[in-house]
Amino acid sequence: MLSSFVQQISHGPMLWYLNRGSGVALLLVLTATLCLGILSARAGRSRLVPRFVGQQLHRNLGVLALVLVVGHVATAVADTYVDIRWWQAVSPVGATYKPLWLGLGSLSFDVMLLVVLTSLLRHRMGQRSWHAVHLLGYLSWPLAVVHSVGIGTDASSVWGRQVGLGCVAAVAAVSLIRVASDLLAGRRRPADLTGASL
């Protein structure tokens, strides 16, 4: 009974739907993780998001993204419609199906995995080393966006474009907020040091 269920799933459209759904959910979670990371990162003395909220939620979203990417890869590999091998999830070269787009997804996954693993080992690494690796996380998101545009089944649909553009708009808006906050914090610093108010 279980084997017939597995066979039905592997030869029917269920894996394709799960792969598509996990890919869209992953892009949304990665976007939220990046936005929260941008907002909660140190910006002089000011914070746009309280530390206790930002760090824990950022960490939890990162773990959720890792779970989703594992599900996304597992459904892509298990689906028999397209020949994607498990090793192609981590190797950006060697794919036969849409190699450029699959390779970009693999690179995004590799960077995400590196960031998560070094975050788990953060207490054994120096702060500077960990931070340098963690900054690579900024690379994972655009790679995932380009991967989804190039290989995503729904990227050409109206709702797929809206999700992609919404993710890009969210990161752009949060980045502008962060830059503006940093600039304002920089302007306030001399006044803060002298005790004067603006």
N, C-alpha and C. Protein backbone atom coordinates (compact mmCIF):
# COMPACT_ATOMS: atom_id res chain seq x y z
N MET A 1 0.82 -1.19 0.00
CA MET A 1 0.00 0.00 0.00
C MET A 1 0.87 1.26 0.00
N LEU A 2 1.88 1.28 0.86
CA LEU A 2 2.78 2.43 0.91
C LEU A 2 3.56 2.57 -0.39
N SER A 3 4.01 1.44 -0.95
CA SER A 3 4.78 1.50 -2.19
C SER A 3 3.92 2.00 -3.35
N SER A 4 2.65 1.63 -3.39
CA SER A 4 1.78 2.12 -4.46
C SER A 4 1.52 3.62 -4.30
N PHE A 5 1.43 4.08 -3.04
CA PHE A 5 1.27 5.51 -2.78
C PHE A 5 2.50 6.28 -3.25
N VAL A 6 3.67 5.77 -2.91
CA VAL A 6 4.93 6.41 -3.33
C VAL A 6 5.03 6.41 -4.85
N GLN A 7 4.64 5.31 -5.48
CA GLN A 7 4.70 5.23 -6.94
C GLN A 7 3.74 6.23 -7.58
N GLN A 8 2.54 6.37 -7.01
CA GLN A 8 1.59 7.34 -7.54
C GLN A 8 2.12 8.76 -7.42
N ILE A 9 2.73 9.04 -6.28
CA ILE A 9 3.28 10.38 -6.09
C ILE A 9 4.43 10.64 -7.05
N SER A 10 5.31 9.66 -7.23
CA SER A 10 6.49 9.89 -8.06
C SER A 10 6.16 9.95 -9.55
N HIS A 11 5.04 9.41 -9.97
CA HIS A 11 4.70 9.43 -11.39
C HIS A 11 3.55 10.37 -11.71
N GLY A 12 2.96 10.97 -10.70
CA GLY A 12 1.88 11.91 -10.93
C GLY A 12 2.35 13.34 -10.76
N PRO A 13 1.41 14.28 -10.83
CA PRO A 13 1.79 15.69 -10.73
C PRO A 13 2.03 16.18 -9.30
N MET A 14 1.82 15.33 -8.29
CA MET A 14 1.95 15.77 -6.90
C MET A 14 3.34 16.33 -6.59
N LEU A 15 4.40 15.65 -7.00
CA LEU A 15 5.75 16.14 -6.74
C LEU A 15 6.02 17.48 -7.43
N TRP A 16 5.47 17.61 -8.61
CA TRP A 16 5.63 18.86 -9.34
C TRP A 16 4.97 20.01 -8.58
N TYR A 17 3.77 19.77 -8.07
CA TYR A 17 3.08 20.80 -7.28
C TYR A 17 3.83 21.09 -5.98
N LEU A 18 4.33 20.06 -5.33
CA LEU A 18 5.10 20.26 -4.10
C LEU A 18 6.39 21.03 -4.38
N ASN A 19 7.03 20.72 -5.50
CA ASN A 19 8.26 21.41 -5.86
C ASN A 19 7.98 22.89 -6.15
N ARG A 20 6.95 23.15 -6.90
CA ARG A 20 6.58 24.54 -7.20
C ARG A 20 6.22 25.29 -5.93
N GLY A 21 5.39 24.67 -5.11
CA GLY A 21 4.96 25.32 -3.87
C GLY A 21 6.11 25.59 -2.92
N SER A 22 6.99 24.61 -2.78
CA SER A 22 8.13 24.80 -1.88
C SER A 22 9.08 25.86 -2.43
N GLY A 23 9.20 25.95 -3.75
CA GLY A 23 10.05 26.98 -4.35
C GLY A 23 9.52 28.39 -4.10
N VAL A 24 8.22 28.56 -4.27
CA VAL A 24 7.61 29.88 -4.02
C VAL A 24 7.70 30.23 -2.54
N ALA A 25 7.35 29.26 -1.68
CA ALA A 25 7.43 29.50 -0.23
C ALA A 25 8.87 29.82 0.18
N LEU A 26 9.82 29.12 -0.41
CA LEU A 26 11.23 29.35 -0.10
C LEU A 26 11.66 30.77 -0.49
N LEU A 27 11.24 31.22 -1.66
CA LEU A 27 11.60 32.57 -2.08
C LEU A 27 11.02 33.61 -1.12
N LEU A 28 9.78 33.39 -0.68
CA LEU A 28 9.16 34.32 0.27
C LEU A 28 9.89 34.31 1.62
N VAL A 29 10.24 33.12 2.10
CA VAL A 29 10.93 33.02 3.39
C VAL A 29 12.35 33.59 3.29
N LEU A 30 13.05 33.32 2.19
CA LEU A 30 14.38 33.90 2.00
C LEU A 30 14.31 35.43 1.97
N THR A 31 13.28 35.94 1.31
CA THR A 31 13.09 37.39 1.25
C THR A 31 12.86 37.96 2.64
N ALA A 32 11.99 37.31 3.41
CA ALA A 32 11.73 37.77 4.78
C ALA A 32 12.99 37.69 5.64
N THR A 33 13.76 36.62 5.48
CA THR A 33 15.00 36.45 6.23
C THR A 33 15.99 37.57 5.89
N LEU A 34 16.15 37.85 4.61
CA LEU A 34 17.06 38.90 4.19
C LEU A 34 16.59 40.26 4.69
N CYS A 35 15.30 40.55 4.53
CA CYS A 35 14.77 41.84 4.98
C CYS A 35 14.99 42.02 6.48
N LEU A 36 14.71 41.00 7.24
CA LEU A 36 14.90 41.09 8.69
C LEU A 36 16.38 41.23 9.04
N GLY A 37 17.24 40.53 8.31
CA GLY A 37 18.67 40.66 8.54
C GLY A 37 19.16 42.07 8.25
N ILE A 38 18.66 42.67 7.18
CA ILE A 38 19.04 44.04 6.84
C ILE A 38 18.57 45.01 7.92
N LEU A 39 17.33 44.83 8.36
CA LEU A 39 16.77 45.75 9.36
C LEU A 39 17.37 45.59 10.74
N SER A 40 17.76 44.38 11.08
CA SER A 40 18.24 44.15 12.45
C SER A 40 19.75 44.22 12.59
N ALA A 41 20.45 44.40 11.47
CA ALA A 41 21.91 44.51 11.54
C ALA A 41 22.29 45.81 12.23
N ARG A 42 23.47 45.81 12.77
CA ARG A 42 23.92 47.01 13.49
C ARG A 42 23.97 48.20 12.54
N ALA A 43 23.39 49.26 12.99
CA ALA A 43 23.42 50.51 12.23
C ALA A 43 23.86 51.61 13.19
N GLY A 44 25.14 51.63 13.47
CA GLY A 44 25.62 52.57 14.46
C GLY A 44 25.04 52.21 15.81
N ARG A 45 24.38 53.15 16.44
CA ARG A 45 23.78 52.89 17.73
C ARG A 45 22.29 52.63 17.62
N SER A 46 21.71 52.88 16.47
CA SER A 46 20.26 52.72 16.34
C SER A 46 19.95 51.36 15.73
N ARG A 47 18.78 50.89 16.05
CA ARG A 47 18.29 49.63 15.48
C ARG A 47 16.90 49.88 14.93
N LEU A 48 16.65 49.32 13.78
CA LEU A 48 15.32 49.44 13.20
C LEU A 48 14.39 48.37 13.73
N VAL A 49 14.95 47.28 14.18
CA VAL A 49 14.17 46.18 14.75
C VAL A 49 14.84 45.83 16.08
N PRO A 50 14.06 45.68 17.16
CA PRO A 50 14.69 45.31 18.43
C PRO A 50 15.51 44.04 18.30
N ARG A 51 16.64 44.01 18.95
CA ARG A 51 17.58 42.90 18.82
C ARG A 51 16.94 41.55 19.16
N PHE A 52 16.18 41.51 20.27
CA PHE A 52 15.59 40.23 20.69
C PHE A 52 14.57 39.72 19.68
N VAL A 53 13.93 40.62 18.96
CA VAL A 53 12.98 40.20 17.93
C VAL A 53 13.74 39.83 16.66
N GLY A 54 14.61 40.70 16.24
CA GLY A 54 15.29 40.53 14.97
C GLY A 54 16.15 39.30 14.87
N GLN A 55 17.00 39.09 15.85
CA GLN A 55 17.94 37.97 15.76
C GLN A 55 17.23 36.62 15.83
N GLN A 56 16.32 36.47 16.78
CA GLN A 56 15.65 35.18 16.93
C GLN A 56 14.77 34.86 15.72
N LEU A 57 14.01 35.84 15.27
CA LEU A 57 13.14 35.62 14.12
C LEU A 57 13.98 35.38 12.86
N HIS A 58 15.04 36.14 12.70
CA HIS A 58 15.95 35.96 11.56
C HIS A 58 16.52 34.54 11.56
N ARG A 59 16.94 34.08 12.72
CA ARG A 59 17.50 32.73 12.85
C ARG A 59 16.43 31.67 12.53
N ASN A 60 15.24 31.84 13.09
CA ASN A 60 14.17 30.87 12.85
C ASN A 60 13.74 30.84 11.38
N LEU A 61 13.68 32.00 10.75
CA LEU A 61 13.35 32.03 9.33
C LEU A 61 14.45 31.37 8.50
N GLY A 62 15.69 31.54 8.91
CA GLY A 62 16.80 30.88 8.22
C GLY A 62 16.69 29.37 8.30
N VAL A 63 16.30 28.86 9.47
CA VAL A 63 16.11 27.41 9.63
C VAL A 63 14.93 26.95 8.78
N LEU A 64 13.84 27.72 8.77
CA LEU A 64 12.69 27.37 7.94
C LEU A 64 13.08 27.36 6.46
N ALA A 65 13.89 28.31 6.04
CA ALA A 65 14.36 28.34 4.65
C ALA A 65 15.16 27.08 4.33
N LEU A 66 15.98 26.65 5.27
CA LEU A 66 16.77 25.43 5.05
C LEU A 66 15.86 24.21 4.91
N VAL A 67 14.84 24.12 5.74
CA VAL A 67 13.87 23.02 5.65
C VAL A 67 13.16 23.06 4.30
N LEU A 68 12.74 24.25 3.89
CA LEU A 68 12.06 24.38 2.60
C LEU A 68 12.97 24.03 1.43
N VAL A 69 14.24 24.43 1.49
CA VAL A 69 15.14 24.12 0.37
C VAL A 69 15.41 22.62 0.30
N VAL A 70 15.48 21.96 1.45
CA VAL A 70 15.64 20.50 1.44
C VAL A 70 14.41 19.85 0.80
N GLY A 71 13.22 20.33 1.16
CA GLY A 71 12.00 19.82 0.54
C GLY A 71 11.95 20.11 -0.95
N HIS A 72 12.38 21.30 -1.32
CA HIS A 72 12.39 21.71 -2.73
C HIS A 72 13.32 20.81 -3.54
N VAL A 73 14.50 20.56 -3.01
CA VAL A 73 15.47 19.70 -3.69
C VAL A 73 14.96 18.26 -3.73
N ALA A 74 14.43 17.78 -2.62
CA ALA A 74 13.95 16.39 -2.55
C ALA A 74 12.84 16.14 -3.57
N THR A 75 11.91 17.08 -3.70
CA THR A 75 10.82 16.88 -4.66
C THR A 75 11.33 16.99 -6.09
N ALA A 76 12.31 17.86 -6.33
CA ALA A 76 12.88 17.97 -7.68
C ALA A 76 13.60 16.69 -8.08
N VAL A 77 14.33 16.11 -7.13
CA VAL A 77 15.08 14.88 -7.41
C VAL A 77 14.13 13.69 -7.56
N ALA A 78 13.11 13.63 -6.71
CA ALA A 78 12.18 12.50 -6.74
C ALA A 78 11.26 12.51 -7.95
N ASP A 79 10.97 13.68 -8.48
CA ASP A 79 10.09 13.78 -9.64
C ASP A 79 10.78 13.17 -10.86
N THR A 80 10.10 12.26 -11.51
CA THR A 80 10.69 11.55 -12.65
C THR A 80 10.49 12.27 -13.97
N TYR A 81 9.72 13.35 -13.99
CA TYR A 81 9.45 14.07 -15.23
C TYR A 81 10.73 14.69 -15.80
N VAL A 82 11.55 15.24 -14.93
CA VAL A 82 12.82 15.85 -15.33
C VAL A 82 13.93 15.13 -14.58
N ASP A 83 15.04 14.89 -15.28
CA ASP A 83 16.16 14.17 -14.67
C ASP A 83 17.07 15.14 -13.92
N ILE A 84 16.83 15.26 -12.62
CA ILE A 84 17.69 16.06 -11.74
C ILE A 84 18.22 15.12 -10.68
N ARG A 85 19.53 15.07 -10.56
CA ARG A 85 20.19 14.19 -9.59
C ARG A 85 20.44 14.92 -8.29
N TRP A 86 20.58 14.18 -7.19
CA TRP A 86 20.77 14.80 -5.87
C TRP A 86 22.03 15.64 -5.82
N TRP A 87 23.10 15.20 -6.49
CA TRP A 87 24.36 15.93 -6.41
C TRP A 87 24.28 17.27 -7.15
N GLN A 88 23.32 17.40 -8.06
CA GLN A 88 23.16 18.66 -8.78
C GLN A 88 22.59 19.77 -7.89
N ALA A 89 22.08 19.37 -6.72
CA ALA A 89 21.60 20.37 -5.76
C ALA A 89 22.75 21.14 -5.14
N VAL A 90 23.92 20.54 -5.08
CA VAL A 90 25.08 21.20 -4.47
C VAL A 90 26.17 21.55 -5.48
N SER A 91 26.11 20.99 -6.66
CA SER A 91 27.12 21.27 -7.68
C SER A 91 26.52 22.21 -8.74
N PRO A 92 27.12 23.37 -8.93
CA PRO A 92 26.57 24.29 -9.92
C PRO A 92 26.87 23.91 -11.37
N VAL A 93 27.59 22.83 -11.58
CA VAL A 93 27.89 22.38 -12.94
C VAL A 93 27.49 20.92 -13.10
N GLY A 94 27.22 20.54 -14.34
CA GLY A 94 26.95 19.14 -14.64
C GLY A 94 25.50 18.80 -14.85
N ALA A 95 24.60 19.74 -14.67
CA ALA A 95 23.18 19.44 -14.87
C ALA A 95 22.87 19.36 -16.36
N THR A 96 21.94 18.50 -16.71
CA THR A 96 21.52 18.41 -18.11
C THR A 96 20.24 19.18 -18.35
N TYR A 97 19.44 19.37 -17.31
CA TYR A 97 18.19 20.13 -17.43
C TYR A 97 18.44 21.58 -17.03
N LYS A 98 18.29 22.50 -17.96
CA LYS A 98 18.47 23.93 -17.72
C LYS A 98 19.67 24.20 -16.81
N PRO A 99 20.86 23.86 -17.30
CA PRO A 99 22.05 23.89 -16.43
C PRO A 99 22.38 25.24 -15.81
N LEU A 100 22.18 26.33 -16.54
CA LEU A 100 22.49 27.64 -15.97
C LEU A 100 21.58 27.94 -14.78
N TRP A 101 20.28 27.76 -14.98
CA TRP A 101 19.32 28.10 -13.93
C TRP A 101 19.42 27.14 -12.75
N LEU A 102 19.62 25.88 -13.03
CA LEU A 102 19.79 24.90 -11.95
C LEU A 102 21.09 25.17 -11.20
N GLY A 103 22.13 25.54 -11.93
CA GLY A 103 23.41 25.87 -11.30
C GLY A 103 23.31 27.07 -10.37
N LEU A 104 22.54 28.07 -10.77
CA LEU A 104 22.35 29.24 -9.90
C LEU A 104 21.59 28.86 -8.63
N GLY A 105 20.62 27.97 -8.77
CA GLY A 105 19.92 27.47 -7.59
C GLY A 105 20.85 26.68 -6.68
N SER A 106 21.73 25.90 -7.28
CA SER A 106 22.72 25.14 -6.50
C SER A 106 23.65 26.07 -5.75
N LEU A 107 24.12 27.12 -6.41
CA LEU A 107 24.98 28.09 -5.74
C LEU A 107 24.26 28.77 -4.58
N SER A 108 23.00 29.11 -4.80
CA SER A 108 22.21 29.72 -3.73
C SER A 108 22.11 28.78 -2.53
N PHE A 109 21.86 27.51 -2.81
CA PHE A 109 21.77 26.51 -1.75
C PHE A 109 23.12 26.34 -1.04
N ASP A 110 24.21 26.31 -1.81
CA ASP A 110 25.54 26.17 -1.21
C ASP A 110 25.84 27.32 -0.25
N VAL A 111 25.53 28.54 -0.69
CA VAL A 111 25.77 29.71 0.15
C VAL A 111 24.90 29.64 1.41
N MET A 112 23.63 29.28 1.22
CA MET A 112 22.71 29.16 2.36
C MET A 112 23.22 28.12 3.35
N LEU A 113 23.66 27.00 2.85
CA LEU A 113 24.18 25.94 3.71
C LEU A 113 25.42 26.39 4.46
N LEU A 114 26.31 27.09 3.78
CA LEU A 114 27.52 27.61 4.42
C LEU A 114 27.17 28.59 5.54
N VAL A 115 26.21 29.47 5.28
CA VAL A 115 25.81 30.46 6.29
C VAL A 115 25.18 29.76 7.50
N VAL A 116 24.31 28.78 7.25
CA VAL A 116 23.67 28.07 8.37
C VAL A 116 24.69 27.28 9.17
N LEU A 117 25.57 26.56 8.48
CA LEU A 117 26.57 25.76 9.19
C LEU A 117 27.52 26.62 10.02
N THR A 118 27.97 27.73 9.46
CA THR A 118 28.86 28.59 10.23
C THR A 118 28.11 29.28 11.37
N SER A 119 26.83 29.52 11.19
CA SER A 119 26.04 30.09 12.29
C SER A 119 25.89 29.09 13.43
N LEU A 120 25.76 27.82 13.09
CA LEU A 120 25.70 26.79 14.13
C LEU A 120 27.04 26.67 14.86
N LEU A 121 28.12 26.98 14.16
CA LEU A 121 29.46 26.91 14.76
C LEU A 121 29.97 28.28 15.21
N ARG A 122 29.09 29.23 15.27
CA ARG A 122 29.47 30.61 15.58
C ARG A 122 30.26 30.72 16.88
N HIS A 123 29.87 29.96 17.88
CA HIS A 123 30.55 30.03 19.18
C HIS A 123 31.99 29.52 19.11
N ARG A 124 32.32 28.77 18.06
CA ARG A 124 33.69 28.27 17.89
C ARG A 124 34.51 29.12 16.93
N MET A 125 33.86 30.04 16.28
CA MET A 125 34.54 30.91 15.32
C MET A 125 34.70 32.29 15.94
N GLY A 126 35.62 33.04 15.43
CA GLY A 126 35.72 34.43 15.82
C GLY A 126 34.58 35.22 15.21
N GLN A 127 34.20 36.30 15.86
CA GLN A 127 33.10 37.14 15.37
C GLN A 127 33.36 37.65 13.96
N ARG A 128 34.59 38.08 13.70
CA ARG A 128 34.92 38.61 12.37
C ARG A 128 34.80 37.53 11.29
N SER A 129 35.30 36.34 11.58
CA SER A 129 35.22 35.25 10.60
C SER A 129 33.77 34.88 10.33
N TRP A 130 33.01 34.73 11.41
CA TRP A 130 31.60 34.38 11.25
C TRP A 130 30.88 35.46 10.44
N HIS A 131 31.12 36.71 10.78
CA HIS A 131 30.43 37.81 10.11
C HIS A 131 30.79 37.86 8.63
N ALA A 132 32.04 37.62 8.30
CA ALA A 132 32.47 37.62 6.89
C ALA A 132 31.73 36.55 6.10
N VAL A 133 31.60 35.36 6.68
CA VAL A 133 30.87 34.29 6.01
C VAL A 133 29.38 34.61 5.96
N HIS A 134 28.86 35.16 7.04
CA HIS A 134 27.43 35.46 7.11
C HIS A 134 27.03 36.50 6.05
N LEU A 135 27.92 37.41 5.75
CA LEU A 135 27.63 38.41 4.72
C LEU A 135 27.44 37.78 3.35
N LEU A 136 27.97 36.58 3.14
CA LEU A 136 27.74 35.87 1.88
C LEU A 136 26.26 35.54 1.68
N GLY A 137 25.51 35.53 2.78
CA GLY A 137 24.08 35.29 2.69
C GLY A 137 23.38 36.28 1.76
N TYR A 138 23.94 37.48 1.64
CA TYR A 138 23.38 38.45 0.71
C TYR A 138 23.42 37.95 -0.72
N LEU A 139 24.33 37.04 -1.01
CA LEU A 139 24.46 36.47 -2.35
C LEU A 139 23.40 35.39 -2.62
N SER A 140 22.98 34.69 -1.59
CA SER A 140 22.04 33.59 -1.77
C SER A 140 20.70 34.06 -2.34
N TRP A 141 20.22 35.18 -1.84
CA TRP A 141 18.89 35.66 -2.26
C TRP A 141 18.82 36.02 -3.75
N PRO A 142 19.72 36.87 -4.28
CA PRO A 142 19.60 37.17 -5.71
C PRO A 142 19.80 35.94 -6.60
N LEU A 143 20.65 35.02 -6.16
CA LEU A 143 20.81 33.78 -6.93
C LEU A 143 19.50 33.00 -6.95
N ALA A 144 18.80 32.97 -5.82
CA ALA A 144 17.51 32.28 -5.75
C ALA A 144 16.47 32.97 -6.63
N VAL A 145 16.48 34.29 -6.64
CA VAL A 145 15.53 35.04 -7.47
C VAL A 145 15.77 34.74 -8.94
N VAL A 146 17.02 34.81 -9.37
CA VAL A 146 17.34 34.55 -10.78
C VAL A 146 17.04 33.09 -11.12
N HIS A 147 17.33 32.17 -10.21
CA HIS A 147 16.99 30.75 -10.40
C HIS A 147 15.49 30.60 -10.62
N SER A 148 14.69 31.26 -9.79
CA SER A 148 13.23 31.11 -9.91
C SER A 148 12.71 31.71 -11.21
N VAL A 149 13.31 32.80 -11.66
CA VAL A 149 12.88 33.41 -12.92
C VAL A 149 13.24 32.51 -14.09
N GLY A 150 14.41 31.91 -14.05
CA GLY A 150 14.89 31.10 -15.17
C GLY A 150 14.31 29.71 -15.25
N ILE A 151 14.03 29.10 -14.11
CA ILE A 151 13.61 27.70 -14.11
C ILE A 151 12.19 27.51 -13.57
N GLY A 152 11.69 28.51 -12.87
CA GLY A 152 10.38 28.39 -12.23
C GLY A 152 9.24 28.29 -13.24
N THR A 153 8.40 27.31 -13.06
CA THR A 153 7.27 27.10 -13.95
C THR A 153 6.31 28.29 -13.90
N ASP A 154 6.17 28.89 -12.73
CA ASP A 154 5.19 29.95 -12.56
C ASP A 154 5.77 31.35 -12.75
N ALA A 155 7.03 31.45 -13.10
CA ALA A 155 7.68 32.76 -13.22
C ALA A 155 7.05 33.62 -14.31
N SER A 156 6.49 32.99 -15.32
CA SER A 156 5.89 33.76 -16.41
C SER A 156 4.41 34.05 -16.19
N SER A 157 3.82 33.46 -15.15
CA SER A 157 2.41 33.75 -14.86
C SER A 157 2.30 35.10 -14.17
N VAL A 158 1.10 35.68 -14.19
CA VAL A 158 0.89 36.98 -13.56
C VAL A 158 1.22 36.92 -12.08
N TRP A 159 0.70 35.91 -11.39
CA TRP A 159 0.95 35.84 -9.95
C TRP A 159 2.41 35.53 -9.65
N GLY A 160 3.06 34.74 -10.51
CA GLY A 160 4.47 34.43 -10.31
C GLY A 160 5.34 35.67 -10.46
N ARG A 161 5.02 36.49 -11.47
CA ARG A 161 5.75 37.76 -11.63
C ARG A 161 5.50 38.69 -10.45
N GLN A 162 4.25 38.70 -9.96
CA GLN A 162 3.93 39.56 -8.82
C GLN A 162 4.69 39.13 -7.57
N VAL A 163 4.80 37.84 -7.35
CA VAL A 163 5.57 37.35 -6.19
C VAL A 163 7.03 37.76 -6.34
N GLY A 164 7.61 37.51 -7.51
CA GLY A 164 9.02 37.86 -7.73
C GLY A 164 9.27 39.35 -7.60
N LEU A 165 8.43 40.16 -8.23
CA LEU A 165 8.59 41.61 -8.14
C LEU A 165 8.34 42.11 -6.72
N GLY A 166 7.38 41.48 -6.03
CA GLY A 166 7.13 41.86 -4.64
C GLY A 166 8.33 41.58 -3.76
N CYS A 167 8.99 40.47 -3.98
CA CYS A 167 10.19 40.13 -3.21
C CYS A 167 11.31 41.13 -3.49
N VAL A 168 11.50 41.46 -4.76
CA VAL A 168 12.54 42.44 -5.12
C VAL A 168 12.19 43.81 -4.53
N ALA A 169 10.92 44.20 -4.61
CA ALA A 169 10.50 45.49 -4.06
C ALA A 169 10.69 45.54 -2.55
N ALA A 170 10.40 44.44 -1.87
CA ALA A 170 10.56 44.39 -0.41
C ALA A 170 12.02 44.58 -0.02
N VAL A 171 12.91 43.87 -0.69
CA VAL A 171 14.34 43.99 -0.37
C VAL A 171 14.85 45.39 -0.72
N ALA A 172 14.40 45.94 -1.84
CA ALA A 172 14.82 47.29 -2.21
C ALA A 172 14.32 48.32 -1.19
N ALA A 173 13.07 48.19 -0.77
CA ALA A 173 12.50 49.14 0.21
C ALA A 173 13.23 49.05 1.54
N VAL A 174 13.46 47.84 2.01
CA VAL A 174 14.15 47.66 3.29
C VAL A 174 15.59 48.17 3.20
N SER A 175 16.22 47.96 2.07
CA SER A 175 17.59 48.46 1.88
C SER A 175 17.62 49.98 1.92
N LEU A 176 16.65 50.62 1.27
CA LEU A 176 16.57 52.08 1.31
C LEU A 176 16.31 52.59 2.72
N ILE A 177 15.44 51.91 3.45
CA ILE A 177 15.16 52.29 4.84
C ILE A 177 16.44 52.17 5.66
N ARG A 178 17.17 51.11 5.45
CA ARG A 178 18.41 50.89 6.20
C ARG A 178 19.44 51.97 5.88
N VAL A 179 19.60 52.28 4.61
CA VAL A 179 20.57 53.32 4.21
C VAL A 179 20.15 54.67 4.79
N ALA A 180 18.86 55.00 4.69
CA ALA A 180 18.38 56.27 5.25
C ALA A 180 18.60 56.31 6.76
N SER A 181 18.33 55.21 7.43
CA SER A 181 18.54 55.15 8.88
C SER A 181 20.01 55.33 9.24
N ASP A 182 20.88 54.69 8.48
CA ASP A 182 22.32 54.84 8.72
C ASP A 182 22.77 56.28 8.50
N LEU A 183 22.25 56.90 7.44
CA LEU A 183 22.62 58.29 7.17
C LEU A 183 22.13 59.21 8.28
N LEU A 184 20.88 59.00 8.72
CA LEU A 184 20.35 59.82 9.81
C LEU A 184 21.10 59.57 11.10
N ALA A 185 21.46 58.33 11.36
CA ALA A 185 22.23 58.01 12.57
C ALA A 185 23.60 58.68 12.50
N GLY A 186 24.18 58.73 11.32
CA GLY A 186 25.47 59.39 11.14
C GLY A 186 25.39 60.88 11.39
N ARG A 187 24.27 61.49 10.98
CA ARG A 187 24.08 62.91 11.21
C ARG A 187 23.84 63.22 12.68
N ARG A 188 23.23 62.28 13.40
CA ARG A 188 22.90 62.51 14.81
C ARG A 188 24.09 62.27 15.71
N ARG A 189 25.04 61.48 15.29
CA ARG A 189 26.14 61.10 16.18
C ARG A 189 26.88 62.28 16.81
N PRO A 190 27.30 63.27 16.03
CA PRO A 190 28.01 64.38 16.68
C PRO A 190 27.15 65.08 17.72
N ALA A 191 25.86 65.24 17.44
CA ALA A 191 24.97 65.88 18.41
C ALA A 191 24.82 65.00 19.65
N ASP A 192 24.75 63.69 19.44
CA ASP A 192 24.64 62.77 20.57
C ASP A 192 25.87 62.86 21.46
N LEU A 193 27.03 63.02 20.85
CA LEU A 193 28.27 63.07 21.63
C LEU A 193 28.39 64.34 22.46
N THR A 194 27.83 65.44 21.95
CA THR A 194 27.92 66.71 22.68
C THR A 194 26.74 66.93 23.59
N GLY A 195 25.73 66.08 23.50
CA GLY A 195 24.54 66.23 24.34
C GLY A 195 23.52 67.18 23.74
N ALA A 196 23.79 67.73 22.56
CA ALA A 196 22.84 68.63 21.92
C ALA A 196 21.74 67.83 21.26
N SER A 197 20.62 68.45 21.05
CA SER A 197 19.52 67.78 20.37
C SER A 197 19.29 68.44 19.03
N LEU A 198 18.73 67.68 18.11
CA LEU A 198 18.48 68.23 16.77
C LEU A 198 17.17 68.94 16.71
